[in-house]
N, C-alpha and C. Protein backbone atom coordinates (compact mmCIF):
# COMPACT_ATOMS: atom_id res chain seq x y z
N MET A 1 0.59 -1.24 0.04
CA MET A 1 -0.14 0.05 0.10
C MET A 1 0.92 1.05 0.17
N LYS A 2 0.67 2.41 -0.54
CA LYS A 2 1.18 3.52 -0.87
C LYS A 2 0.84 4.72 -0.09
N GLY A 3 2.08 4.76 0.89
CA GLY A 3 2.00 6.18 1.61
C GLY A 3 0.48 5.89 2.69
N LYS A 4 0.03 7.51 2.42
CA LYS A 4 -1.16 7.66 3.25
C LYS A 4 -2.54 7.74 2.50
N LEU A 5 -2.38 7.09 1.74
CA LEU A 5 -3.59 6.86 0.49
C LEU A 5 -4.96 6.09 1.68
N LEU A 6 -4.78 5.25 1.83
CA LEU A 6 -5.59 4.53 2.83
C LEU A 6 -6.62 5.64 3.57
N PRO A 7 -5.63 6.24 4.59
CA PRO A 7 -6.40 7.02 5.42
C PRO A 7 -6.98 8.08 4.83
N GLN A 8 -6.20 8.80 3.55
CA GLN A 8 -7.40 9.81 2.96
C GLN A 8 -8.38 9.37 2.14
N LYS A 9 -8.40 8.29 1.70
CA LYS A 9 -9.61 7.66 1.25
C LYS A 9 -10.80 7.21 2.17
N LEU A 10 -10.48 6.75 3.45
CA LEU A 10 -11.12 6.41 4.51
C LEU A 10 -12.04 7.62 4.84
N LYS A 11 -11.38 8.85 5.01
CA LYS A 11 -11.80 10.15 5.33
C LYS A 11 -12.60 10.77 4.12
N GLU A 12 -12.48 10.55 2.98
CA GLU A 12 -13.26 11.06 1.81
C GLU A 12 -14.11 10.24 1.76
N LEU A 13 -14.28 9.00 1.79
CA LEU A 13 -15.60 8.26 1.85
C LEU A 13 -16.59 8.15 2.97
N ARG A 14 -15.83 8.69 3.97
CA ARG A 14 -16.53 8.97 4.95
C ARG A 14 -17.64 10.50 5.26
N GLN A 15 -17.03 11.59 4.56
CA GLN A 15 -17.30 12.69 4.40
C GLN A 15 -18.63 12.85 3.24
N VAL A 16 -18.17 11.74 2.08
CA VAL A 16 -18.92 11.87 0.92
C VAL A 16 -20.47 11.47 1.52
N ASN A 17 -20.52 10.13 2.15
CA ASN A 17 -21.41 9.69 2.89
C ASN A 17 -22.10 10.28 4.04
N ASN A 18 -21.43 11.72 3.99
CA ASN A 18 -21.96 12.36 5.44
C ASN A 18 -22.44 11.48 6.97
N TYR A 19 -21.12 10.65 6.61
CA TYR A 19 -21.15 10.01 8.35
C TYR A 19 -20.08 10.73 9.32
N THR A 20 -20.59 10.43 10.42
CA THR A 20 -19.80 11.10 11.28
C THR A 20 -18.78 10.03 12.03
N GLN A 21 -17.21 10.04 12.69
CA GLN A 21 -16.67 9.05 13.03
C GLN A 21 -17.19 8.67 13.98
N ASP A 22 -17.71 9.24 15.00
CA ASP A 22 -18.68 8.40 15.72
C ASP A 22 -19.22 7.24 15.24
N TYR A 23 -20.17 7.45 14.29
CA TYR A 23 -20.98 6.36 13.59
C TYR A 23 -20.21 5.21 12.92
N VAL A 24 -18.92 5.95 11.91
CA VAL A 24 -18.37 4.49 11.20
C VAL A 24 -17.57 3.84 12.38
N ALA A 25 -17.23 4.44 13.42
CA ALA A 25 -16.54 3.80 14.66
C ALA A 25 -17.60 2.88 15.37
N ALA A 26 -18.91 3.08 15.32
CA ALA A 26 -20.11 1.95 15.86
C ALA A 26 -20.22 1.11 15.04
N VAL A 27 -19.91 1.41 14.12
CA VAL A 27 -20.27 0.27 12.86
C VAL A 27 -19.32 -0.91 12.82
N LEU A 28 -18.47 -0.13 12.99
CA LEU A 28 -16.89 -1.06 13.16
C LEU A 28 -16.78 -1.92 14.53
N GLY A 29 -17.44 -1.26 15.63
CA GLY A 29 -17.31 -1.75 16.91
C GLY A 29 -15.92 -1.27 17.37
N VAL A 30 -16.00 -0.34 17.21
CA VAL A 30 -14.18 0.14 17.95
C VAL A 30 -14.72 1.54 18.50
N VAL A 31 -13.52 2.27 19.39
CA VAL A 31 -14.13 3.60 19.89
C VAL A 31 -13.67 4.70 18.77
N ARG A 32 -14.08 5.89 18.95
CA ARG A 32 -13.98 6.75 18.07
C ARG A 32 -12.31 7.15 17.63
N GLN A 33 -11.55 7.26 18.65
CA GLN A 33 -10.37 7.51 18.75
C GLN A 33 -9.87 6.34 17.94
N THR A 34 -9.91 5.21 17.83
CA THR A 34 -8.94 3.88 16.87
C THR A 34 -9.48 4.45 15.17
N TYR A 35 -10.97 4.33 15.24
CA TYR A 35 -11.34 5.19 14.08
C TYR A 35 -10.64 6.24 13.21
N SER A 36 -10.25 7.31 14.28
CA SER A 36 -9.63 8.37 14.10
C SER A 36 -8.32 8.31 13.70
N HIS A 37 -7.72 7.36 14.48
CA HIS A 37 -6.19 6.71 13.78
C HIS A 37 -6.28 6.42 12.57
N TYR A 38 -7.41 5.63 12.12
CA TYR A 38 -7.00 4.82 11.05
C TYR A 38 -7.12 6.09 9.70
N GLU A 39 -7.86 6.86 9.69
CA GLU A 39 -8.02 8.22 8.79
C GLU A 39 -6.61 9.04 8.79
N THR A 40 -6.22 8.82 10.40
CA THR A 40 -4.62 9.86 10.33
C THR A 40 -3.39 9.34 9.76
N GLY A 41 -3.86 7.94 9.72
CA GLY A 41 -2.11 6.86 9.15
C GLY A 41 -1.78 6.30 10.70
N LYS A 42 -2.23 6.67 11.75
CA LYS A 42 -1.48 6.47 13.04
C LYS A 42 -1.81 4.80 13.30
N ARG A 43 -2.71 4.29 12.93
CA ARG A 43 -3.07 3.24 12.92
C ARG A 43 -3.69 2.25 11.15
N THR A 44 -3.60 1.16 10.87
CA THR A 44 -3.99 0.39 10.04
C THR A 44 -4.93 -0.53 10.40
N PRO A 45 -6.14 -0.66 9.68
CA PRO A 45 -7.29 -1.30 9.97
C PRO A 45 -6.65 -2.93 9.73
N ASP A 46 -7.54 -3.80 10.73
CA ASP A 46 -7.10 -5.35 10.11
C ASP A 46 -8.07 -5.96 9.44
N ALA A 47 -7.97 -6.73 9.03
CA ALA A 47 -8.70 -7.64 7.64
C ALA A 47 -10.25 -7.37 8.04
N GLU A 48 -10.83 -7.65 9.12
CA GLU A 48 -12.18 -7.94 9.36
C GLU A 48 -12.49 -6.53 9.30
N THR A 49 -11.83 -5.15 9.86
CA THR A 49 -12.18 -4.00 9.69
C THR A 49 -12.26 -3.64 8.49
N LEU A 50 -11.23 -3.83 7.50
CA LEU A 50 -11.47 -3.30 6.03
C LEU A 50 -12.53 -4.17 5.19
N TYR A 51 -13.03 -5.30 5.85
CA TYR A 51 -14.61 -5.74 5.71
C TYR A 51 -15.70 -5.17 5.50
N LYS A 52 -15.78 -4.80 7.15
CA LYS A 52 -16.98 -3.99 7.49
C LYS A 52 -17.02 -2.69 6.77
N LEU A 53 -15.76 -2.14 6.41
CA LEU A 53 -15.47 -0.72 6.05
C LEU A 53 -16.14 -0.51 4.56
N ALA A 54 -15.49 -2.00 3.87
CA ALA A 54 -15.77 -2.31 2.48
C ALA A 54 -17.50 -2.27 2.32
N GLY A 55 -18.10 -2.97 3.49
CA GLY A 55 -19.30 -3.50 3.20
C GLY A 55 -20.34 -2.09 3.54
N LEU A 56 -19.52 -0.92 4.67
CA LEU A 56 -20.50 -0.02 4.88
C LEU A 56 -20.89 0.98 3.67
N TYR A 57 -19.75 1.01 2.58
CA TYR A 57 -19.72 2.08 1.91
C TYR A 57 -19.59 1.38 0.37
N ASN A 58 -20.23 -0.10 0.38
CA ASN A 58 -20.38 -0.73 -0.73
C ASN A 58 -19.85 -0.89 -1.67
N ILE A 59 -18.39 -0.99 -1.58
CA ILE A 59 -17.48 -1.16 -2.31
C ILE A 59 -16.80 -2.23 -2.08
N SER A 60 -16.27 -2.95 -2.99
CA SER A 60 -15.39 -3.90 -2.72
C SER A 60 -14.10 -3.75 -1.82
N ILE A 61 -13.51 -4.68 -1.27
CA ILE A 61 -12.40 -4.75 -0.65
C ILE A 61 -10.81 -4.36 -1.66
N ASP A 62 -11.14 -4.81 -2.58
CA ASP A 62 -10.22 -4.51 -3.65
C ASP A 62 -10.53 -3.12 -4.10
N ASP A 63 -11.39 -2.46 -4.32
CA ASP A 63 -11.45 -1.07 -4.48
C ASP A 63 -11.10 -0.29 -2.98
N LEU A 64 -11.07 -1.19 -2.29
CA LEU A 64 -10.90 0.12 -0.60
C LEU A 64 -9.10 -0.32 -0.44
N MET A 65 -8.75 -1.40 -1.28
CA MET A 65 -6.94 -1.45 -1.25
C MET A 65 -6.59 -0.87 -2.23
N HIS A 66 -7.08 -0.64 -3.18
CA HIS A 66 -6.47 -0.41 -4.27
C HIS A 66 -6.89 1.28 -4.61
N LEU A 67 -7.35 1.44 -3.97
CA LEU A 67 -8.12 2.74 -3.73
C LEU A 67 -8.48 3.33 -5.31
N THR A 68 -9.37 2.62 -6.18
CA THR A 68 -9.23 3.00 -7.25
C THR A 68 -11.04 3.33 -7.16
N VAL A 69 -11.27 3.85 -6.27
CA VAL A 69 -12.67 4.71 -6.16
C VAL A 69 -12.74 6.28 -6.74
N ASP A 70 -13.19 6.81 -7.57
CA ASP A 70 -12.97 7.94 -7.75
C ASP A 70 -14.07 8.52 -6.84
N ILE A 71 -13.30 9.96 -6.64
CA ILE A 71 -14.82 10.46 -5.94
C ILE A 71 -14.80 12.06 -6.67
N ASP A 72 -15.60 12.68 -7.24
CA ASP A 72 -15.85 13.95 -8.46
C ASP A 72 -16.50 14.70 -7.43
N ARG A 73 -15.23 15.57 -6.96
CA ARG A 73 -15.89 16.49 -6.07
C ARG A 73 -16.89 17.53 -6.57
N GLU A 74 -16.92 17.56 -7.85
CA GLU A 74 -17.54 18.62 -8.34
C GLU A 74 -19.34 17.95 -8.66
N VAL A 75 -19.48 17.10 -8.27
CA VAL A 75 -20.73 16.53 -7.90
C VAL A 75 -21.46 16.56 -6.75
N SER A 76 -22.59 16.49 -6.52
CA SER A 76 -23.13 16.93 -4.80
C SER A 76 -23.82 15.14 -4.83
N TYR A 77 -23.46 15.01 -3.65
CA TYR A 77 -23.75 13.53 -3.18
C TYR A 77 -25.09 13.53 -2.08
N ASP A 78 -25.95 13.16 -2.38
CA ASP A 78 -27.00 13.00 -1.41
C ASP A 78 -26.44 11.68 -0.15
N ALA A 79 -26.40 12.38 0.99
CA ALA A 79 -26.13 11.06 1.54
C ALA A 79 -26.75 10.21 2.19
N PRO A 80 -26.96 8.90 1.87
CA PRO A 80 -27.92 7.85 2.32
C PRO A 80 -27.83 7.98 3.88
N VAL A 81 -29.31 7.57 3.98
CA VAL A 81 -30.14 7.56 5.33
C VAL A 81 -29.42 5.79 5.79
N PRO A 82 -28.64 5.72 6.78
CA PRO A 82 -28.37 4.27 7.67
C PRO A 82 -29.60 3.67 7.63
N SER A 83 -29.38 2.49 6.82
CA SER A 83 -30.46 1.69 6.61
C SER A 83 -30.66 0.97 7.82
N GLN A 84 -32.10 -0.02 8.19
CA GLN A 84 -32.10 -0.79 9.10
C GLN A 84 -30.81 -1.38 9.92
N SER A 85 -30.59 -2.31 8.79
CA SER A 85 -29.48 -3.13 8.91
C SER A 85 -28.07 -2.84 9.10
N SER A 86 -27.77 -1.29 8.68
CA SER A 86 -26.76 -0.67 9.37
C SER A 86 -27.04 -0.48 10.81
N GLU A 87 -27.74 0.22 11.28
CA GLU A 87 -28.46 1.08 12.60
C GLU A 87 -28.54 -0.65 13.44
N ASP A 88 -28.72 -1.77 12.99
CA ASP A 88 -28.89 -3.01 13.37
C ASP A 88 -27.37 -3.81 13.91
N LEU A 89 -26.83 -3.34 12.67
CA LEU A 89 -25.53 -4.10 13.05
C LEU A 89 -24.76 -3.06 14.11
N SER A 90 -24.82 -1.89 14.15
CA SER A 90 -24.20 -0.75 15.04
C SER A 90 -24.90 -1.72 16.91
N GLU A 91 -25.98 -1.89 16.50
CA GLU A 91 -26.36 -2.03 18.02
C GLU A 91 -25.89 -3.33 18.40
N PHE A 92 -26.00 -4.31 17.40
CA PHE A 92 -25.45 -5.84 17.52
C PHE A 92 -23.98 -5.82 18.12
N LEU A 93 -23.21 -4.73 17.00
CA LEU A 93 -21.66 -4.70 17.56
C LEU A 93 -21.28 -3.89 18.97
N GLU A 94 -22.17 -3.37 19.25
CA GLU A 94 -22.04 -2.49 20.69
C GLU A 94 -22.90 -3.37 21.95
N PHE A 95 -23.77 -4.66 21.99
CA PHE A 95 -24.31 -5.25 22.36
C PHE A 95 -22.91 -6.68 22.75
N PHE A 96 -22.39 -6.98 21.61
CA PHE A 96 -21.54 -8.06 21.77
C PHE A 96 -19.96 -7.72 22.43
N ASN A 97 -20.23 -6.49 21.84
CA ASN A 97 -18.69 -5.85 22.43
C ASN A 97 -18.61 -5.31 24.22
N ASP A 98 -19.63 -5.39 24.38
CA ASP A 98 -19.78 -5.20 26.14
C ASP A 98 -18.94 -5.84 26.54
N PRO A 99 -18.49 -5.46 27.61
CA PRO A 99 -17.50 -6.25 28.35
C PRO A 99 -18.15 -7.50 28.90
N ALA A 100 -19.37 -7.55 29.39
CA ALA A 100 -20.19 -8.25 30.27
C ALA A 100 -20.70 -9.55 29.01
N ASN A 101 -21.52 -8.72 27.71
CA ASN A 101 -21.82 -10.06 26.94
C ASN A 101 -20.43 -10.47 26.13
N LYS A 102 -19.56 -10.11 25.99
CA LYS A 102 -18.89 -10.85 25.35
C LYS A 102 -18.10 -11.77 26.34
N LYS A 103 -17.83 -11.74 27.36
CA LYS A 103 -17.89 -12.98 28.17
C LYS A 103 -18.93 -13.79 28.31
N LYS A 104 -19.91 -13.54 28.16
CA LYS A 104 -21.15 -14.68 28.49
C LYS A 104 -21.38 -15.13 27.14
N TYR A 105 -21.09 -14.80 25.85
CA TYR A 105 -21.75 -15.18 24.62
C TYR A 105 -20.51 -15.84 23.77
N MET A 106 -19.14 -15.40 24.63
CA MET A 106 -17.75 -15.84 24.17
C MET A 106 -18.23 -17.38 23.02
N PHE A 107 -18.49 -18.39 23.88
CA PHE A 107 -18.55 -19.45 22.90
C PHE A 107 -19.72 -19.79 21.52
N HIS A 108 -20.52 -18.90 21.78
CA HIS A 108 -21.20 -19.02 20.94
C HIS A 108 -21.21 -18.78 19.44
N THR A 109 -21.60 -19.29 18.35
CA THR A 109 -21.41 -19.15 17.35
C THR A 109 -22.17 -17.70 16.82
N ASN A 110 -21.82 -17.31 15.33
CA ASN A 110 -22.26 -15.78 14.98
C ASN A 110 -23.73 -16.05 14.89
N LEU A 111 -24.34 -17.06 14.33
CA LEU A 111 -25.90 -17.34 14.07
C LEU A 111 -26.44 -17.93 15.38
N GLU A 112 -25.90 -17.97 16.35
CA GLU A 112 -26.38 -18.35 17.79
C GLU A 112 -26.61 -16.74 18.18
N LYS A 113 -25.70 -15.96 18.33
CA LYS A 113 -25.29 -14.64 18.80
C LYS A 113 -26.71 -13.31 18.05
N GLU A 114 -26.57 -13.85 16.54
CA GLU A 114 -27.90 -13.34 15.86
C GLU A 114 -29.02 -13.42 16.55
N LEU A 115 -29.12 -14.90 16.80
CA LEU A 115 -30.49 -15.08 17.26
C LEU A 115 -30.92 -14.25 18.47
N LEU A 116 -29.85 -14.56 19.67
CA LEU A 116 -30.11 -13.92 20.94
C LEU A 116 -30.09 -12.70 21.10
N PHE A 117 -29.61 -12.07 19.99
CA PHE A 117 -29.64 -10.27 19.99
C PHE A 117 -30.93 -10.06 19.79
N TYR A 118 -31.77 -10.94 18.77
CA TYR A 118 -32.87 -10.10 18.06
C TYR A 118 -34.13 -10.81 18.94
N PHE A 119 -33.77 -11.90 19.61
CA PHE A 119 -34.37 -12.38 20.97
C PHE A 119 -34.85 -11.31 22.39
N ASN A 120 -33.24 -11.01 22.43
CA ASN A 120 -33.62 -10.15 23.19
C ASN A 120 -34.18 -8.63 23.06
N LYS A 121 -34.49 -8.55 22.20
CA LYS A 121 -35.23 -7.24 21.52
C LYS A 121 -36.95 -7.52 21.79
N ILE A 122 -37.35 -8.47 21.66
CA ILE A 122 -38.96 -8.79 21.39
C ILE A 122 -39.32 -8.80 22.54
N SER A 123 -40.83 -8.91 22.91
CA SER A 123 -41.68 -9.10 24.07
C SER A 123 -41.52 -10.71 24.39
N GLU A 124 -42.26 -10.20 25.71
CA GLU A 124 -42.10 -12.03 26.31
C GLU A 124 -42.94 -12.92 25.53
N GLU A 125 -43.92 -12.23 25.11
CA GLU A 125 -45.10 -13.03 24.38
C GLU A 125 -44.78 -13.82 23.27
N ASP A 126 -43.50 -12.93 22.28
CA ASP A 126 -42.89 -13.47 21.14
C ASP A 126 -42.28 -14.02 21.15
N LYS A 127 -41.21 -14.37 22.91
CA LYS A 127 -40.40 -14.98 22.87
C LYS A 127 -40.99 -16.58 23.12
N LYS A 128 -42.15 -16.42 24.01
CA LYS A 128 -42.81 -17.87 24.11
C LYS A 128 -43.51 -18.28 22.80
N GLU A 129 -43.78 -17.62 21.92
CA GLU A 129 -44.44 -18.34 20.61
C GLU A 129 -43.27 -18.91 19.65
N ILE A 130 -42.04 -17.80 19.70
CA ILE A 130 -41.22 -18.17 18.96
C ILE A 130 -40.18 -19.66 19.72
N ILE A 131 -40.35 -19.82 21.03
CA ILE A 131 -39.76 -21.14 21.56
C ILE A 131 -40.87 -22.25 21.10
N GLU A 132 -42.41 -22.04 21.24
CA GLU A 132 -43.27 -23.09 20.95
C GLU A 132 -43.03 -23.49 19.38
N PHE A 133 -42.34 -22.20 18.39
CA PHE A 133 -42.44 -22.55 17.05
C PHE A 133 -41.20 -23.40 16.73
N THR A 134 -40.17 -23.22 17.69
CA THR A 134 -38.88 -23.81 17.63
C THR A 134 -38.91 -25.37 17.68
N LYS A 135 -39.74 -25.75 19.45
CA LYS A 135 -39.81 -26.76 19.51
C LYS A 135 -40.88 -27.74 18.37
N ILE A 136 -41.35 -27.48 17.40
CA ILE A 136 -41.96 -27.93 16.88
C ILE A 136 -41.66 -28.23 15.72
N LYS A 137 -40.66 -27.11 15.38
CA LYS A 137 -39.26 -27.42 14.22
C LYS A 137 -38.39 -28.70 14.42
N ALA A 138 -38.28 -28.57 15.59
CA ALA A 138 -37.38 -29.77 16.34
C ALA A 138 -37.58 -30.95 16.56
N ARG A 139 -38.99 -31.33 16.26
CA ARG A 139 -39.31 -32.37 15.81
C ARG A 139 -39.26 -32.92 14.95
N LYS A 140 -39.09 -32.10 13.59
CA LYS A 140 -39.30 -32.64 12.45
C LYS A 140 -38.11 -33.21 12.01
N PRO A 141 -37.87 -34.04 11.32
CA PRO A 141 -36.95 -34.84 10.50
C PRO A 141 -36.31 -34.07 9.76
N LEU A 142 -34.58 -33.90 9.42
CA LEU A 142 -34.01 -33.29 8.75
C LEU A 142 -34.05 -33.60 7.26
């Protein structure tokens, strides 16, 4: 990778999308200062973080790493409203990065974590319905 191009690209992508450093940091599951260090070149994002950044900006990792995304400064971009899925991702990351939850759920698969995350968001009545549905599904042969 050449010089400080990645940090500059991260800052440009964030600004074009009208995201704050706090928002991007929450999506990545890091503190704002860590994300700020990515933009200044003091730290380099790891592979998982690069994957999340590429997903956030809807570009390939290849485009992110090779810096082939051209941003036309003469064009006015309408910043997209964060989708429900990106808000869910932010909440999901916050929930599982909480030290108490991190320890509690450390041996669960990602699928189990996703199920538990959404299960915790629904009413007690809905939880009971889901348990009954799961019992029925568990009795069916594969």
